[in-house]
Amino acid sequence: MNKFFLILTMLVSMTSVGQTHKSRTFLLVHGAWSGGWDFAQVDAKLRSKGDIVYRPTLTGLGERVHLSKASINLSTFITDIVNVIKYENLHNVILVGHSFGGMVISGVAEQVPERISQLIYLDAMVPNDGESARDVCGELWNGMIAPYVKDSLVLYPFGPTTATPPGDVPQSLKTYTEPLKISNPLVKKIPTAFIVMTKNGKSNSLNDQMGLNKARERRWKIYQFEGGHYSMREQPEKLALKLQEVLPKGR
């Protein structure tokens, strides 16, 4: 009899644990020159809480660098993520885009808004209808990015990369120059948040122009996060907590 009650107590306990955290589906989209590897530690942290996590690498980057070619454009990247959603049969997706990844998730939302329960722009680009990533960059493009355009590629402009993988790699120029069509009214119904990285409580004015100012105009929820632009590299555990903070309670 005592053994019976012990088993019953264990089952009740397991049920209670399951009720404290409902499994959520995160789809993490990395930024320019990067890869799914960038979110590995964030992935581990979210999974430890019982969440389901996907962190695909966009064509021609990361471990898919062998597929790099001049014809890869923004549509290629968008299709990469749309196909993950379709082929994995994902619903109620929490779609997160870091930096350049904001361009990608904006395009994904245009195509499959019914599959997305939350959009999170992580210090990311926010395009208007008809804008390319180059347009969104504005003055930053000529001053910082243009000097690193070599033939059909944009080289990593922020210092040397690691000698061995994983690391940042060149990215097709067309991914920056292809404009994005934004017209699906259903996208406006998706809860959307913007996480802005700050230093001593202040954001970067150039980054503000690329994303934060538009987020304010659209009245998205805005969350401050102290630290550098690459939060998934510098403070992955805190980023995982911040992503959870953004979500409405009970989700």
Protein backbone atom coordinates (compact mmCIF):
# COMPACT_ATOMS: atom_id res chain seq x y z
CA MET A 1 0.00 0.00 0.00
CA ASN A 2 2.81 2.41 0.84
CA LYS A 3 4.36 1.69 -2.55
CA PHE A 4 1.05 2.55 -4.24
CA PHE A 5 0.87 5.93 -2.51
CA LEU A 6 4.51 6.62 -3.38
CA ILE A 7 3.83 6.04 -7.08
CA LEU A 8 0.67 8.15 -6.91
CA THR A 9 2.61 10.99 -5.26
CA MET A 10 5.25 10.84 -8.00
CA LEU A 11 2.62 11.00 -10.73
CA VAL A 12 0.92 14.00 -9.11
CA SER A 13 4.28 15.72 -8.79
CA MET A 14 5.14 15.12 -12.45
CA THR A 15 1.74 16.47 -13.49
CA SER A 16 2.26 19.59 -11.40
CA VAL A 17 5.64 20.23 -13.01
CA GLY A 18 4.13 19.88 -16.45
CA GLN A 19 1.47 22.42 -15.56
CA THR A 20 3.97 25.03 -14.40
CA HIS A 21 5.52 25.41 -17.86
CA LYS A 22 3.67 24.93 -21.10
CA SER A 23 6.03 23.95 -23.89
CA ARG A 24 6.53 26.74 -26.43
CA THR A 25 8.05 26.69 -29.90
CA PHE A 26 10.86 29.15 -30.60
CA LEU A 27 12.28 29.69 -34.07
CA LEU A 28 15.48 31.74 -33.80
CA VAL A 29 16.76 33.51 -36.90
CA HIS A 30 20.36 34.69 -36.80
CA GLY A 31 21.76 37.89 -38.24
CA ALA A 32 24.09 38.69 -41.14
CA TRP A 33 27.29 36.65 -41.67
CA SER A 34 26.26 34.33 -38.84
CA GLY A 35 24.55 30.94 -38.52
CA GLY A 36 22.34 28.82 -36.32
CA TRP A 37 25.42 28.12 -34.21
CA ASP A 38 25.11 31.61 -32.76
CA PHE A 39 22.03 30.60 -30.78
CA ALA A 40 23.35 27.27 -29.46
CA GLN A 41 23.62 28.36 -25.83
CA VAL A 42 20.27 30.16 -25.91
CA ASP A 43 18.77 27.00 -27.41
CA ALA A 44 20.15 24.89 -24.55
CA LYS A 45 18.76 27.26 -21.93
CA LEU A 46 15.28 27.35 -23.46
CA ARG A 47 15.20 23.58 -23.91
CA SER A 48 16.16 23.11 -20.25
CA LYS A 49 12.84 24.82 -19.46
CA GLY A 50 10.94 22.40 -21.67
CA ASP A 51 10.65 24.55 -24.78
CA ILE A 52 11.02 23.40 -28.38
CA VAL A 53 13.69 25.32 -30.28
CA TYR A 54 14.70 25.57 -33.93
CA ARG A 55 17.76 27.59 -34.98
CA PRO A 56 18.25 27.00 -38.70
CA THR A 57 21.15 28.41 -40.70
CA LEU A 58 20.35 30.54 -43.74
CA THR A 59 21.60 29.35 -47.13
CA GLY A 60 25.29 30.06 -47.76
CA LEU A 61 26.14 30.89 -44.16
CA GLY A 62 27.45 28.92 -41.18
CA GLU A 63 27.72 25.20 -41.87
CA ARG A 64 25.98 25.86 -45.20
CA VAL A 65 28.77 28.14 -46.42
CA HIS A 66 29.59 25.60 -49.14
CA LEU A 67 26.29 26.62 -50.79
CA SER A 68 27.30 30.27 -51.04
CA LYS A 69 26.73 31.85 -54.47
CA ALA A 70 25.88 35.23 -55.96
CA SER A 71 22.24 34.38 -56.73
CA ILE A 72 21.24 33.97 -53.05
CA ASN A 73 18.91 36.81 -52.13
CA LEU A 74 16.53 37.84 -49.36
CA SER A 75 13.80 35.64 -50.84
CA THR A 76 16.13 32.64 -50.44
CA PHE A 77 16.52 33.38 -46.74
CA ILE A 78 12.78 33.88 -46.27
CA THR A 79 12.07 30.58 -48.00
CA ASP A 80 14.61 28.86 -45.72
CA ILE A 81 12.54 29.79 -42.68
CA VAL A 82 9.10 29.38 -44.24
CA ASN A 83 10.06 25.83 -45.22
CA VAL A 84 11.19 25.02 -41.68
CA ILE A 85 7.74 26.06 -40.49
CA LYS A 86 5.95 24.10 -43.20
CA TYR A 87 8.05 20.92 -43.21
CA GLU A 88 8.20 20.70 -39.42
CA ASN A 89 4.47 21.52 -39.37
CA LEU A 90 4.95 24.26 -36.80
CA HIS A 91 2.14 26.35 -35.33
CA ASN A 92 2.04 29.05 -32.64
CA VAL A 93 5.63 29.89 -33.46
CA ILE A 94 7.56 32.49 -31.46
CA LEU A 95 9.62 33.92 -34.31
CA VAL A 96 12.76 35.78 -33.24
CA GLY A 97 15.02 37.73 -35.60
CA HIS A 98 18.37 39.22 -34.61
CA SER A 99 19.82 42.23 -36.47
CA PHE A 100 19.58 41.45 -40.22
CA GLY A 101 17.23 38.63 -39.17
CA GLY A 102 14.55 41.29 -38.78
CA MET A 103 14.39 41.48 -42.58
CA VAL A 104 13.92 37.73 -42.76
CA ILE A 105 11.19 37.39 -40.14
CA SER A 106 9.33 40.32 -41.69
CA GLY A 107 9.20 38.40 -44.96
CA VAL A 108 8.25 35.16 -43.24
CA ALA A 109 5.36 36.85 -41.44
CA GLU A 110 4.06 38.06 -44.81
CA GLN A 111 3.76 34.48 -46.04
CA VAL A 112 2.61 32.47 -43.01
CA PRO A 113 1.10 34.88 -40.45
CA GLU A 114 -1.36 32.22 -39.29
CA ARG A 115 1.53 30.07 -38.03
CA ILE A 116 3.09 32.80 -35.88
CA SER A 117 1.93 33.64 -32.36
CA GLN A 118 4.63 36.21 -31.52
CA LEU A 119 7.23 38.24 -33.41
CA ILE A 120 10.34 39.40 -31.55
CA TYR A 121 12.83 41.77 -33.17
CA LEU A 122 16.12 41.46 -31.29
CA ASP A 123 18.01 44.71 -31.89
CA ALA A 124 16.89 44.10 -35.44
CA MET A 125 16.19 45.77 -38.76
CA VAL A 126 12.57 46.77 -39.31
CA PRO A 127 11.75 47.38 -42.99
CA ASN A 128 8.98 49.45 -44.51
CA ASP A 129 7.22 48.25 -47.64
CA GLY A 130 9.61 48.23 -50.58
CA GLU A 131 12.80 48.61 -48.55
CA SER A 132 15.90 46.47 -48.80
CA ALA A 133 18.39 45.87 -46.00
CA ARG A 134 20.65 48.42 -47.67
CA ASP A 135 17.82 50.96 -47.49
CA VAL A 136 17.22 50.18 -43.83
CA CYS A 137 20.93 50.64 -43.08
CA GLY A 138 20.77 54.20 -44.42
CA GLU A 139 23.95 56.17 -43.76
CA LEU A 140 25.53 53.14 -42.08
CA TRP A 141 25.73 51.39 -45.44
CA ASN A 142 28.10 53.82 -47.13
CA GLY A 143 30.20 54.42 -44.04
CA MET A 144 30.62 50.89 -42.72
CA ILE A 145 29.29 48.23 -45.10
CA ALA A 146 30.04 49.44 -48.65
CA PRO A 147 33.85 49.25 -48.22
CA TYR A 148 33.47 45.52 -47.54
CA VAL A 149 31.53 44.72 -50.70
CA LYS A 150 33.73 42.46 -52.83
CA ASP A 151 32.25 41.30 -56.12
CA SER A 152 28.99 39.54 -55.20
CA LEU A 153 29.69 39.28 -51.47
CA VAL A 154 29.65 41.45 -48.36
CA LEU A 155 32.55 40.59 -46.08
CA TYR A 156 32.24 40.70 -42.30
CA PRO A 157 33.03 44.34 -41.39
CA PHE A 158 33.48 44.20 -37.63
CA GLY A 159 37.00 42.90 -37.23
CA PRO A 160 38.65 39.51 -37.77
CA THR A 161 36.63 36.33 -37.53
CA THR A 162 37.76 33.11 -35.87
CA ALA A 163 40.33 31.06 -37.77
CA THR A 164 38.26 27.88 -37.36
CA PRO A 165 34.48 27.34 -37.34
CA PRO A 166 32.15 28.47 -36.05
CA GLY A 167 32.51 32.05 -37.18
CA ASP A 168 31.12 34.78 -39.40
CA VAL A 169 31.43 34.33 -43.17
CA PRO A 170 30.82 36.51 -46.25
CA GLN A 171 27.19 36.96 -47.30
CA SER A 172 25.64 37.40 -50.74
CA LEU A 173 25.17 41.05 -51.73
CA LYS A 174 21.70 40.35 -53.14
CA THR A 175 20.43 39.54 -49.65
CA TYR A 176 21.02 43.22 -48.84
CA THR A 177 19.75 44.77 -52.06
CA GLU A 178 16.51 42.87 -52.74
CA PRO A 179 13.49 44.94 -51.59
CA LEU A 180 10.82 43.39 -49.41
CA LYS A 181 7.13 43.66 -50.21
CA ILE A 182 5.02 44.23 -47.11
CA SER A 183 1.27 44.24 -47.61
CA ASN A 184 -0.38 41.40 -45.66
CA PRO A 185 -2.88 42.94 -43.21
CA LEU A 186 -2.84 39.81 -41.04
CA VAL A 187 0.71 40.58 -39.92
CA LYS A 188 -0.54 43.57 -37.93
CA LYS A 189 -2.59 41.18 -35.79
CA ILE A 190 0.51 39.28 -34.61
CA PRO A 191 1.75 40.45 -31.17
CA THR A 192 5.13 42.05 -31.82
CA ALA A 193 7.92 43.19 -29.53
CA PHE A 194 11.27 44.91 -30.02
CA ILE A 195 14.26 44.28 -27.75
CA VAL A 196 16.71 47.18 -27.87
CA MET A 197 20.25 46.71 -26.63
CA THR A 198 21.49 49.56 -24.45
CA LYS A 199 24.72 50.80 -22.91
CA ASN A 200 24.25 52.56 -19.58
CA GLY A 201 20.55 52.72 -20.42
CA LYS A 202 21.04 54.38 -23.81
CA SER A 203 20.59 52.84 -27.24
CA ASN A 204 22.74 53.37 -30.33
CA SER A 205 21.31 56.14 -32.56
CA LEU A 206 22.22 54.32 -35.79
CA ASN A 207 20.53 51.14 -34.59
CA ASP A 208 17.53 53.25 -33.58
CA GLN A 209 17.13 54.40 -37.19
CA MET A 210 17.25 50.81 -38.45
CA GLY A 211 14.66 49.44 -36.07
CA LEU A 212 13.71 51.06 -32.78
CA ASN A 213 12.17 54.21 -34.24
CA LYS A 214 9.90 52.17 -36.51
CA ALA A 215 8.95 49.92 -33.61
CA ARG A 216 7.86 53.00 -31.69
CA GLU A 217 5.88 54.30 -34.65
CA ARG A 218 4.07 50.98 -34.89
CA ARG A 219 3.45 50.95 -31.13
CA TRP A 220 5.12 47.62 -30.55
CA LYS A 221 6.07 46.65 -27.04
CA ILE A 222 9.65 47.70 -26.42
CA TYR A 223 12.04 46.07 -23.93
CA GLN A 224 15.46 47.36 -22.96
CA PHE A 225 18.33 44.92 -22.56
CA GLU A 226 21.68 46.14 -21.29
CA GLY A 227 24.61 44.85 -23.29
CA GLY A 228 26.21 44.59 -26.71
CA HIS A 229 24.56 43.85 -30.05
CA TYR A 230 25.56 40.16 -29.99
CA SER A 231 23.71 39.22 -26.81
CA MET A 232 23.46 35.56 -27.81
CA ARG A 233 27.27 35.39 -27.72
CA GLU A 234 27.95 37.63 -24.75
CA GLN A 235 25.11 36.76 -22.37
CA PRO A 236 23.04 33.83 -23.72
CA GLU A 237 21.44 32.88 -20.41
CA LYS A 238 20.20 36.42 -19.83
CA LEU A 239 18.92 36.56 -23.40
CA ALA A 240 16.92 33.38 -22.87
CA LEU A 241 15.35 34.96 -19.80
CA LYS A 242 14.64 38.17 -21.71
CA LEU A 243 12.86 36.26 -24.48
CA GLN A 244 10.66 34.62 -21.86
CA GLU A 245 9.98 38.01 -20.26
CA VAL A 246 8.68 39.36 -23.56
CA LEU A 247 6.00 36.69 -23.84
CA PRO A 248 2.58 37.28 -22.27
CA LYS A 249 2.09 35.44 -19.02
CA GLY A 250 0.64 31.99 -19.51
CA ARG A 251 2.23 31.53 -22.93
